[in-house]
N, C-alpha and C. Protein backbone atom coordinates (compact mmCIF):
# COMPACT_ATOMS: atom_id res chain seq x y z
N MET A 1 0.76 -1.04 0.31
CA MET A 1 0.12 0.14 0.04
C MET A 1 0.93 1.61 0.21
N LEU A 2 0.40 2.50 0.03
CA LEU A 2 1.43 2.99 -0.54
C LEU A 2 0.47 4.05 0.44
N GLU A 3 0.95 5.59 1.00
CA GLU A 3 0.34 6.49 2.09
C GLU A 3 1.20 8.01 1.35
N ILE A 4 0.91 9.18 0.81
CA ILE A 4 1.41 9.68 0.69
C ILE A 4 1.58 10.29 1.66
N VAL A 5 2.23 10.77 2.32
CA VAL A 5 2.94 11.86 3.42
C VAL A 5 2.34 13.49 2.43
N ASN A 6 3.82 13.74 1.57
CA ASN A 6 3.27 15.01 1.51
C ASN A 6 2.86 15.42 0.05
N GLY A 7 1.78 15.29 0.21
CA GLY A 7 0.52 15.74 -1.12
C GLY A 7 0.97 16.91 -2.29
N PHE A 8 1.41 18.23 -2.18
CA PHE A 8 2.23 19.21 -2.85
C PHE A 8 3.84 18.65 -3.36
N LEU A 9 4.70 18.39 -1.96
CA LEU A 9 5.96 17.73 -3.14
C LEU A 9 6.01 17.28 -3.77
N LEU A 10 5.10 15.95 -3.92
CA LEU A 10 4.72 15.91 -4.81
C LEU A 10 4.89 15.68 -5.88
N ILE A 11 3.28 16.72 -6.70
CA ILE A 11 2.94 17.26 -7.58
C ILE A 11 4.50 18.59 -8.57
N TYR A 12 4.72 19.13 -7.26
CA TYR A 12 5.83 20.12 -7.25
C TYR A 12 6.54 19.34 -8.00
N PHE A 13 7.28 17.91 -7.70
CA PHE A 13 8.84 17.99 -8.14
C PHE A 13 8.13 17.19 -9.74
N VAL A 14 6.96 16.78 -9.78
CA VAL A 14 6.70 15.68 -11.31
C VAL A 14 6.37 17.49 -11.73
N ILE A 15 5.99 17.86 -11.51
CA ILE A 15 5.29 19.23 -12.65
C ILE A 15 6.91 19.39 -12.60
N LEU A 16 7.83 20.10 -11.62
CA LEU A 16 10.00 20.03 -12.14
C LEU A 16 10.33 19.66 -13.43
N CYS A 17 9.38 18.07 -13.30
CA CYS A 17 10.33 16.89 -14.01
C CYS A 17 9.93 17.41 -15.70
N THR A 18 9.44 17.15 -14.94
CA THR A 18 7.73 17.49 -16.38
C THR A 18 8.22 18.26 -17.06
N LEU A 19 8.71 20.16 -16.55
CA LEU A 19 9.11 20.58 -17.51
C LEU A 19 10.02 20.80 -18.21
N SER A 20 11.58 20.58 -17.04
CA SER A 20 12.41 19.92 -17.62
C SER A 20 12.86 19.26 -18.40
N ALA A 21 12.19 17.98 -18.87
CA ALA A 21 11.43 17.36 -20.05
C ALA A 21 10.88 17.27 -21.33
N ILE A 22 10.41 18.57 -21.29
CA ILE A 22 9.48 19.74 -22.89
C ILE A 22 10.03 21.07 -22.56
N VAL A 23 11.55 21.12 -21.93
CA VAL A 23 12.60 22.18 -22.66
C VAL A 23 12.25 22.54 -24.16
N PRO A 24 13.12 20.99 -24.98
CA PRO A 24 12.92 21.27 -26.00
C PRO A 24 11.66 21.65 -26.92
N ILE A 25 10.36 21.32 -26.26
CA ILE A 25 9.01 22.08 -27.06
C ILE A 25 9.08 23.18 -26.70
N LEU A 26 9.26 23.59 -25.16
CA LEU A 26 9.06 25.16 -24.78
C LEU A 26 10.36 26.12 -25.61
N VAL A 27 11.53 26.13 -26.05
CA VAL A 27 12.12 26.51 -26.75
C VAL A 27 11.76 27.20 -28.13
N LYS A 28 11.26 25.71 -28.87
CA LYS A 28 10.90 26.91 -30.34
C LYS A 28 9.63 27.56 -30.31
N PRO A 29 8.45 28.04 -29.79
CA PRO A 29 8.18 29.11 -29.74
C PRO A 29 8.26 30.21 -28.84
N ILE A 30 9.89 30.19 -27.93
CA ILE A 30 9.32 31.08 -27.54
C ILE A 30 10.93 31.62 -28.33
N ALA A 31 12.01 30.71 -29.27
CA ALA A 31 12.57 31.16 -29.90
C ALA A 31 11.54 31.62 -31.10
N ALA A 32 10.84 32.05 -32.06
CA ALA A 32 10.01 31.72 -33.36
C ALA A 32 9.73 33.90 -32.82
N CYS A 33 9.56 33.88 -31.44
CA CYS A 33 9.66 35.39 -30.94
C CYS A 33 11.03 36.25 -31.41
N PHE A 34 11.80 35.80 -31.25
CA PHE A 34 13.74 36.86 -31.64
C PHE A 34 13.56 37.00 -32.80
N SER A 35 13.22 35.84 -34.39
CA SER A 35 14.03 35.13 -34.90
C SER A 35 13.12 35.54 -36.11
N ARG A 36 11.94 36.65 -35.85
CA ARG A 36 10.91 36.56 -36.77
C ARG A 36 11.48 37.35 -38.35
N PRO A 37 11.05 37.37 -39.63
CA PRO A 37 11.69 38.24 -40.98
C PRO A 37 11.80 39.39 -40.32
N SER A 38 13.01 41.00 -40.89
CA SER A 38 13.31 41.83 -40.78
C SER A 38 12.21 42.44 -41.72
N SER A 39 12.48 44.02 -41.43
CA SER A 39 11.65 44.71 -42.46
C SER A 39 11.83 44.61 -43.53
N GLU A 40 13.31 45.14 -43.61
CA GLU A 40 14.45 44.85 -45.05
C GLU A 40 13.51 43.34 -45.89
N GLU A 41 13.31 41.92 -44.85
CA GLU A 41 13.48 40.90 -45.24
C GLU A 41 11.68 40.96 -46.72
N ARG A 42 11.02 41.41 -45.36
CA ARG A 42 9.77 41.56 -45.96
C ARG A 42 9.31 42.39 -46.98
N VAL A 43 10.20 43.45 -47.16
CA VAL A 43 10.43 44.68 -48.45
C VAL A 43 10.98 44.43 -49.65
N ILE A 44 11.96 42.57 -49.35
CA ILE A 44 12.46 42.37 -50.30
C ILE A 44 11.61 41.55 -50.50
N LEU A 45 10.76 40.82 -50.22
CA LEU A 45 10.15 39.40 -50.32
C LEU A 45 8.55 40.01 -51.63
N ASN A 46 8.53 41.65 -50.73
CA ASN A 46 7.40 41.87 -51.79
C ASN A 46 7.43 42.16 -53.03
N ASP A 47 8.51 43.13 -52.72
CA ASP A 47 9.11 43.62 -54.51
C ASP A 47 9.29 41.97 -55.38
N LEU A 48 9.70 40.86 -54.49
CA LEU A 48 9.75 39.79 -55.56
C LEU A 48 9.02 39.65 -55.93
N LYS A 49 7.86 39.84 -55.18
CA LYS A 49 7.21 39.16 -55.63
C LYS A 49 5.70 39.41 -56.65
N LYS A 50 5.76 41.48 -56.96
CA LYS A 50 5.80 42.26 -58.04
C LYS A 50 6.39 41.81 -59.20
N LEU A 51 7.68 42.18 -58.41
CA LEU A 51 8.69 41.72 -60.14
C LEU A 51 8.33 40.20 -61.32
N LYS A 52 7.25 39.57 -60.11
CA LYS A 52 7.61 37.89 -60.49
C LYS A 52 6.23 38.13 -60.81
N ALA A 53 5.02 38.82 -60.55
CA ALA A 53 4.31 39.06 -61.74
C ALA A 53 3.69 39.89 -62.79
N GLU A 54 4.79 40.82 -62.48
CA GLU A 54 4.67 41.60 -63.93
C GLU A 54 6.32 40.89 -64.72
N GLN A 55 6.76 39.88 -65.07
CA GLN A 55 7.01 39.66 -65.67
C GLN A 55 6.39 38.62 -65.42
N GLN A 56 5.19 37.99 -65.19
CA GLN A 56 4.25 37.01 -66.01
C GLN A 56 3.33 37.35 -67.33
N SER A 57 3.54 39.17 -66.47
CA SER A 57 2.41 39.42 -67.66
C SER A 57 2.78 39.24 -69.19
N LEU A 58 5.16 39.69 -68.82
CA LEU A 58 5.38 40.19 -69.81
C LEU A 58 5.28 38.50 -71.63
N SER A 59 5.47 38.29 -72.05
CA SER A 59 5.39 37.51 -73.11
C SER A 59 6.85 37.41 -73.04
N MET A 60 8.01 36.03 -73.12
CA MET A 60 9.27 35.95 -73.31
C MET A 60 9.84 36.13 -74.39
N LYS A 61 9.14 35.98 -74.95
CA LYS A 61 9.90 36.08 -76.82
C LYS A 61 9.18 37.50 -77.55
N ASP A 62 8.28 38.38 -77.03
CA ASP A 62 8.00 39.71 -78.11
C ASP A 62 8.68 40.50 -76.95
N GLU A 63 8.67 40.27 -75.73
CA GLU A 63 10.02 41.14 -74.47
C GLU A 63 10.91 41.11 -74.57
N PHE A 64 11.37 40.35 -75.08
CA PHE A 64 12.87 38.97 -74.52
C PHE A 64 13.26 40.32 -73.57
N ALA A 65 13.97 41.63 -73.67
CA ALA A 65 15.12 42.42 -73.05
C ALA A 65 14.11 42.98 -72.31
N ALA A 66 12.99 43.42 -72.19
CA ALA A 66 12.66 43.73 -71.27
C ALA A 66 12.18 42.24 -70.05
N TYR A 67 12.08 41.24 -70.50
CA TYR A 67 12.13 40.14 -69.56
C TYR A 67 13.22 39.95 -68.98
N SER A 68 14.22 39.95 -69.67
CA SER A 68 15.27 39.58 -69.01
C SER A 68 16.31 40.76 -67.80
N LYS A 69 15.99 41.78 -68.37
CA LYS A 69 15.97 42.83 -67.31
C LYS A 69 15.12 42.09 -65.33
N LEU A 70 13.73 42.04 -65.94
CA LEU A 70 13.70 41.74 -64.48
C LEU A 70 13.58 40.57 -63.68
N GLN A 71 14.12 39.18 -65.32
CA GLN A 71 14.54 38.83 -64.54
C GLN A 71 16.21 38.62 -63.85
N ARG A 72 16.83 39.38 -63.91
CA ARG A 72 18.07 39.47 -64.08
C ARG A 72 17.68 40.14 -62.09
N LYS A 73 16.80 41.10 -62.13
CA LYS A 73 16.41 41.93 -61.08
C LYS A 73 15.42 40.75 -59.97
N ILE A 74 15.37 40.04 -60.61
CA ILE A 74 14.67 38.78 -59.19
C ILE A 74 15.57 37.87 -59.20
N ASN A 75 16.25 37.83 -60.13
CA ASN A 75 17.81 36.92 -59.33
C ASN A 75 18.72 37.76 -58.25
N LYS A 76 18.96 38.65 -58.10
CA LYS A 76 19.84 39.69 -57.78
C LYS A 76 18.97 39.90 -56.13
N LEU A 77 17.56 40.09 -55.81
CA LEU A 77 16.97 39.49 -55.04
C LEU A 77 16.93 38.24 -53.70
N ASP A 78 16.92 37.78 -54.78
CA ASP A 78 16.97 36.78 -54.67
C ASP A 78 18.07 35.68 -53.77
N VAL A 79 19.16 35.98 -53.90
CA VAL A 79 20.80 35.77 -54.02
C VAL A 79 20.22 36.87 -52.57
N GLU A 80 19.83 38.05 -52.42
CA GLU A 80 19.87 38.80 -51.83
C GLU A 80 18.60 38.45 -50.38
N LEU A 81 17.72 37.38 -50.86
CA LEU A 81 16.80 37.55 -49.94
C LEU A 81 17.61 35.93 -48.84
N LYS A 82 17.69 35.17 -49.10
CA LYS A 82 18.71 33.55 -49.26
C LYS A 82 20.09 34.31 -48.16
N GLU A 83 20.63 35.49 -48.72
CA GLU A 83 21.53 35.91 -47.88
C GLU A 83 20.91 36.27 -45.70
N ASN A 84 20.33 36.76 -46.11
CA ASN A 84 19.49 37.82 -45.27
C ASN A 84 19.04 36.17 -43.97
N SER A 85 18.17 35.72 -45.50
CA SER A 85 17.32 34.12 -44.47
C SER A 85 17.87 33.23 -43.89
N GLN A 86 20.00 33.32 -44.35
CA GLN A 86 21.13 31.74 -43.77
C GLN A 86 21.17 32.95 -42.96
N SER A 87 21.56 34.08 -42.76
CA SER A 87 22.12 34.80 -41.38
C SER A 87 21.26 34.44 -40.38
N ARG A 88 19.24 35.15 -40.95
CA ARG A 88 18.97 34.74 -39.68
C ARG A 88 18.23 32.90 -39.10
N LEU A 89 19.17 31.93 -39.50
CA LEU A 89 18.93 30.90 -39.15
C LEU A 89 20.01 31.34 -38.56
N SER A 90 20.81 31.42 -38.89
CA SER A 90 22.27 31.13 -36.92
C SER A 90 22.04 31.63 -36.35
N LYS A 91 21.07 32.79 -37.08
CA LYS A 91 20.64 33.78 -35.36
C LYS A 91 20.63 33.14 -35.05
N SER A 92 18.79 32.44 -34.89
CA SER A 92 17.64 31.58 -34.54
C SER A 92 18.32 30.61 -33.77
N LEU A 93 19.34 29.98 -34.80
CA LEU A 93 20.02 28.45 -33.48
C LEU A 93 20.81 28.97 -32.43
N ALA A 94 21.27 29.90 -32.72
CA ALA A 94 22.22 30.63 -31.19
C ALA A 94 21.61 31.21 -30.19
N ILE A 95 19.88 31.03 -30.16
CA ILE A 95 18.73 32.07 -29.58
C ILE A 95 18.49 30.92 -28.94
N LYS A 96 17.94 29.82 -30.13
CA LYS A 96 17.60 28.28 -29.43
C LYS A 96 18.44 27.44 -28.47
N GLY A 97 19.67 27.59 -28.88
CA GLY A 97 19.98 27.06 -28.06
C GLY A 97 20.83 27.66 -27.32
N SER A 98 20.62 29.08 -26.79
CA SER A 98 20.73 29.90 -25.54
C SER A 98 19.91 29.55 -24.57
N ILE A 99 18.23 30.05 -25.46
CA ILE A 99 17.19 29.58 -24.64
C ILE A 99 17.25 28.32 -23.94
N ASN A 100 17.16 27.16 -24.67
CA ASN A 100 17.51 26.04 -23.97
C ASN A 100 17.97 26.07 -23.43
N ILE A 101 19.61 25.94 -22.82
CA ILE A 101 20.91 26.09 -21.75
C ILE A 101 20.36 27.15 -20.65
N ILE A 102 19.54 28.18 -20.55
CA ILE A 102 19.43 28.99 -19.50
C ILE A 102 18.09 28.37 -19.29
N LEU A 103 17.02 28.00 -19.83
CA LEU A 103 15.79 27.47 -19.54
C LEU A 103 16.45 26.17 -18.39
N GLN A 104 17.61 25.52 -18.64
CA GLN A 104 17.65 23.58 -18.64
C GLN A 104 18.54 24.06 -17.01
N VAL A 105 19.46 25.13 -17.18
CA VAL A 105 19.37 25.81 -15.80
C VAL A 105 19.16 26.38 -14.45
N VAL A 106 17.96 26.78 -15.20
CA VAL A 106 16.71 27.19 -14.03
C VAL A 106 16.45 25.83 -13.56
N ILE A 107 15.81 25.31 -14.39
CA ILE A 107 15.09 24.45 -14.29
C ILE A 107 15.86 23.39 -12.69
N ALA A 108 17.18 22.87 -13.42
CA ALA A 108 18.16 22.33 -12.48
C ALA A 108 18.40 22.71 -11.09
N LEU A 109 18.10 24.61 -10.69
CA LEU A 109 18.14 25.00 -10.24
C LEU A 109 17.24 25.09 -9.20
N VAL A 110 16.69 25.60 -9.45
CA VAL A 110 14.95 24.97 -8.83
C VAL A 110 14.79 23.83 -8.30
N ILE A 111 15.29 23.13 -9.04
CA ILE A 111 15.33 21.26 -8.57
C ILE A 111 16.27 21.33 -7.14
N ILE A 112 17.25 22.02 -7.51
CA ILE A 112 18.40 21.54 -7.40
C ILE A 112 18.25 21.73 -5.54
N VAL A 113 18.26 23.27 -5.54
CA VAL A 113 17.62 23.85 -4.36
C VAL A 113 16.53 23.13 -3.74
N SER A 114 15.37 22.74 -4.43
CA SER A 114 14.18 22.18 -3.69
C SER A 114 14.52 21.16 -2.62
N VAL A 115 15.54 20.25 -3.40
CA VAL A 115 15.40 18.73 -2.64
C VAL A 115 16.58 19.15 -1.41
N ILE A 116 17.37 20.43 -1.55
CA ILE A 116 18.24 20.29 -0.35
C ILE A 116 17.07 20.84 -0.06
N TRP A 117 16.30 22.41 -0.11
CA TRP A 117 15.50 22.67 1.32
C TRP A 117 14.54 21.49 1.74
N PHE A 118 14.28 20.70 1.15
CA PHE A 118 13.35 19.61 1.58
C PHE A 118 13.58 18.03 1.65
N ARG A 119 14.49 17.96 1.80
CA ARG A 119 15.40 17.12 1.43
C ARG A 119 14.77 16.19 3.09
N ARG A 120 14.50 16.42 4.41
CA ARG A 120 14.72 15.13 5.48
C ARG A 120 12.47 14.99 5.43
N GLU A 121 11.68 15.89 4.27
CA GLU A 121 10.95 16.04 3.68
C GLU A 121 10.38 14.37 3.65
N PRO A 122 9.53 12.83 3.91
CA PRO A 122 9.21 12.48 2.80
C PRO A 122 7.96 12.73 2.07
N ILE A 123 8.57 11.54 0.92
CA ILE A 123 7.12 11.72 -0.19
C ILE A 123 5.85 11.49 0.13
N VAL A 124 5.78 10.06 -0.23
CA VAL A 124 5.62 9.18 0.12
C VAL A 124 5.77 8.36 1.02
N THR A 125 5.45 7.10 1.86
CA THR A 125 5.90 5.74 2.59
C THR A 125 4.85 4.50 1.91
N LEU A 126 5.61 3.49 2.01
CA LEU A 126 5.09 2.45 1.79
C LEU A 126 5.53 1.43 2.48
N ASP A 127 4.32 0.38 2.30
CA ASP A 127 4.27 -0.58 3.64
C ASP A 127 5.40 -1.67 3.70
N GLY A 128 5.25 -2.30 4.07
CA GLY A 128 5.78 -3.65 3.93
C GLY A 128 7.72 -3.81 4.45
N ASP A 129 8.16 -4.10 4.08
CA ASP A 129 9.36 -4.12 3.97
C ASP A 129 10.33 -4.59 2.94
N LEU A 130 10.75 -3.21 3.03
CA LEU A 130 12.21 -2.85 1.92
C LEU A 130 13.53 -2.80 1.88
N PHE A 131 13.49 -3.90 3.22
CA PHE A 131 15.34 -4.24 4.25
C PHE A 131 15.91 -3.59 2.35
N PRO A 132 16.54 -3.95 2.25
CA PRO A 132 17.56 -3.99 1.30
C PRO A 132 17.99 -2.87 0.58
N LEU A 133 17.08 -1.72 0.66
CA LEU A 133 16.78 -0.62 -0.55
C LEU A 133 15.77 0.34 1.21
N THR A 134 15.97 -0.07 1.92
CA THR A 134 15.57 1.16 3.17
C THR A 134 15.82 2.46 3.12
N THR A 135 17.07 2.04 3.92
CA THR A 135 18.20 3.51 4.12
C THR A 135 18.26 4.19 2.80
N MET A 136 18.73 3.39 2.25
CA MET A 136 18.65 4.93 0.79
C MET A 136 18.03 5.35 0.62
N LEU A 137 16.89 4.55 -0.03
CA LEU A 137 15.47 5.23 -0.22
C LEU A 137 14.59 6.40 0.42
N ARG A 138 15.19 6.53 2.13
CA ARG A 138 14.19 7.63 2.49
C ARG A 138 15.52 8.51 3.59
N TYR A 139 16.65 7.39 2.68
CA TYR A 139 18.13 9.00 3.28
C TYR A 139 17.08 10.54 2.77
N PRO A 140 17.64 11.23 3.36
CA PRO A 140 18.39 11.27 4.92
C PRO A 140 16.60 11.64 6.16
N SER A 141 15.93 10.93 5.28
CA SER A 141 14.44 10.84 6.60
C SER A 141 14.46 10.03 7.40
N ASP A 142 14.25 9.99 8.94
CA ASP A 142 14.17 8.88 9.61
C ASP A 142 13.06 8.56 9.07
N ILE A 143 11.55 8.02 8.49
CA ILE A 143 10.45 7.16 8.61
C ILE A 143 11.06 6.30 7.87
N PRO A 144 10.47 4.89 8.55
CA PRO A 144 11.10 3.55 7.41
C PRO A 144 10.33 3.49 6.55
N ASN A 145 10.59 3.12 5.16
CA ASN A 145 10.25 2.74 3.97
C ASN A 145 9.19 3.98 3.77
N ALA A 146 10.25 4.89 3.58
CA ALA A 146 9.86 6.73 3.10
C ALA A 146 10.68 6.36 2.13
N ILE A 147 9.63 7.40 0.73
CA ILE A 147 10.53 7.50 -0.33
C ILE A 147 11.09 9.00 -0.58
N SER A 148 12.43 9.54 0.31
CA SER A 148 12.91 11.02 -0.40
C SER A 148 12.43 11.50 -0.86
N THR A 149 13.00 13.03 -0.51
CA THR A 149 12.42 13.76 -1.77
C THR A 149 14.09 13.46 -3.18
N HIS A 150 15.09 13.06 -2.68
CA HIS A 150 16.32 12.95 -3.84
C HIS A 150 15.20 11.40 -4.43
N VAL A 151 15.00 10.59 -3.59
CA VAL A 151 15.25 8.84 -4.83
C VAL A 151 13.64 9.74 -5.66
N TRP A 152 12.36 11.26 -5.15
CA TRP A 152 11.17 10.58 -5.71
C TRP A 152 11.64 11.21 -7.11
N VAL A 153 12.34 12.85 -6.62
CA VAL A 153 13.36 13.50 -8.46
C VAL A 153 13.92 12.54 -9.07
N LEU A 154 14.15 11.44 -8.80
CA LEU A 154 15.30 10.30 -9.00
C LEU A 154 14.17 10.00 -10.57
N ILE A 155 13.53 9.13 -9.23
CA ILE A 155 11.72 8.44 -9.91
C ILE A 155 11.43 9.06 -11.10
N SER A 156 10.54 9.56 -10.32
CA SER A 156 9.62 11.43 -11.53
C SER A 156 11.17 11.62 -12.69
N ASN A 157 11.95 11.91 -12.93
CA ASN A 157 12.71 12.37 -13.77
C ASN A 157 12.73 10.83 -14.90
N VAL A 158 13.20 10.27 -14.24
CA VAL A 158 13.29 8.84 -15.16
C VAL A 158 11.77 8.05 -15.73
N SER A 159 11.04 8.86 -14.80
CA SER A 159 9.69 7.59 -15.64
C SER A 159 9.12 8.79 -16.32
N ILE A 160 8.91 9.91 -16.33
CA ILE A 160 8.66 11.62 -16.75
C ILE A 160 9.11 11.04 -18.59
N ARG A 161 10.98 11.06 -18.61
CA ARG A 161 11.26 11.13 -19.43
C ARG A 161 10.66 10.24 -20.67
N SER A 162 10.72 8.80 -19.79
CA SER A 162 10.39 7.73 -20.60
C SER A 162 9.44 7.65 -21.24
N LEU A 163 8.49 8.20 -20.66
CA LEU A 163 7.11 8.01 -20.33
C LEU A 163 6.73 9.23 -22.42
N LEU A 164 7.12 10.80 -21.94
CA LEU A 164 7.67 11.31 -23.10
C LEU A 164 8.26 11.95 -23.96
N LYS A 165 9.28 10.12 -23.68
CA LYS A 165 10.29 10.30 -25.37
C LYS A 165 9.48 9.96 -27.03
N PRO A 166 8.74 8.96 -27.26
CA PRO A 166 8.09 8.89 -28.31
C PRO A 166 7.37 10.40 -28.59
N ILE A 167 6.83 10.96 -27.52
CA ILE A 167 6.66 12.33 -27.68
C ILE A 167 7.46 13.41 -28.10
N LEU A 168 8.67 13.61 -27.61
CA LEU A 168 9.86 14.53 -27.88
C LEU A 168 10.13 14.04 -28.96
N SER A 169 10.13 12.96 -29.81
CA SER A 169 11.31 12.01 -30.78
C SER A 169 10.78 12.34 -32.10
């Protein structure tokens, strides 16, 4: 039988471990806010659309010179747009990496401080004798057959990451 001794801590650590596991999912929308196309890129894209529409209206056989002139302008804007996109992409990757590291560090620090703060609080107690594991599961708590915060965080982290692995992959 399982008796929950401290339900708040049980849920608190499950939420922290879940947040830690889903950081990669959270990073994408956060990073998207920082790496939107610039106004310059939008202007180039609009110009490109206009030039392509104008080129579509011309006959390649009848007005070859005008058609070729527009094609050169389109090619020039295409190259410029690709360069801007590449720089934005590299900037986006740097932002994603930074946000990922920052979130992981913050959550890890919160978990570590919480585990240290609540180290003597048992989360759950189990009926029966768990002789060889009793000391390891309850350390540093004095309640027999208890699961301490250290062990609970370890169990929660491994379980949640295992459950979410198919979703995150």
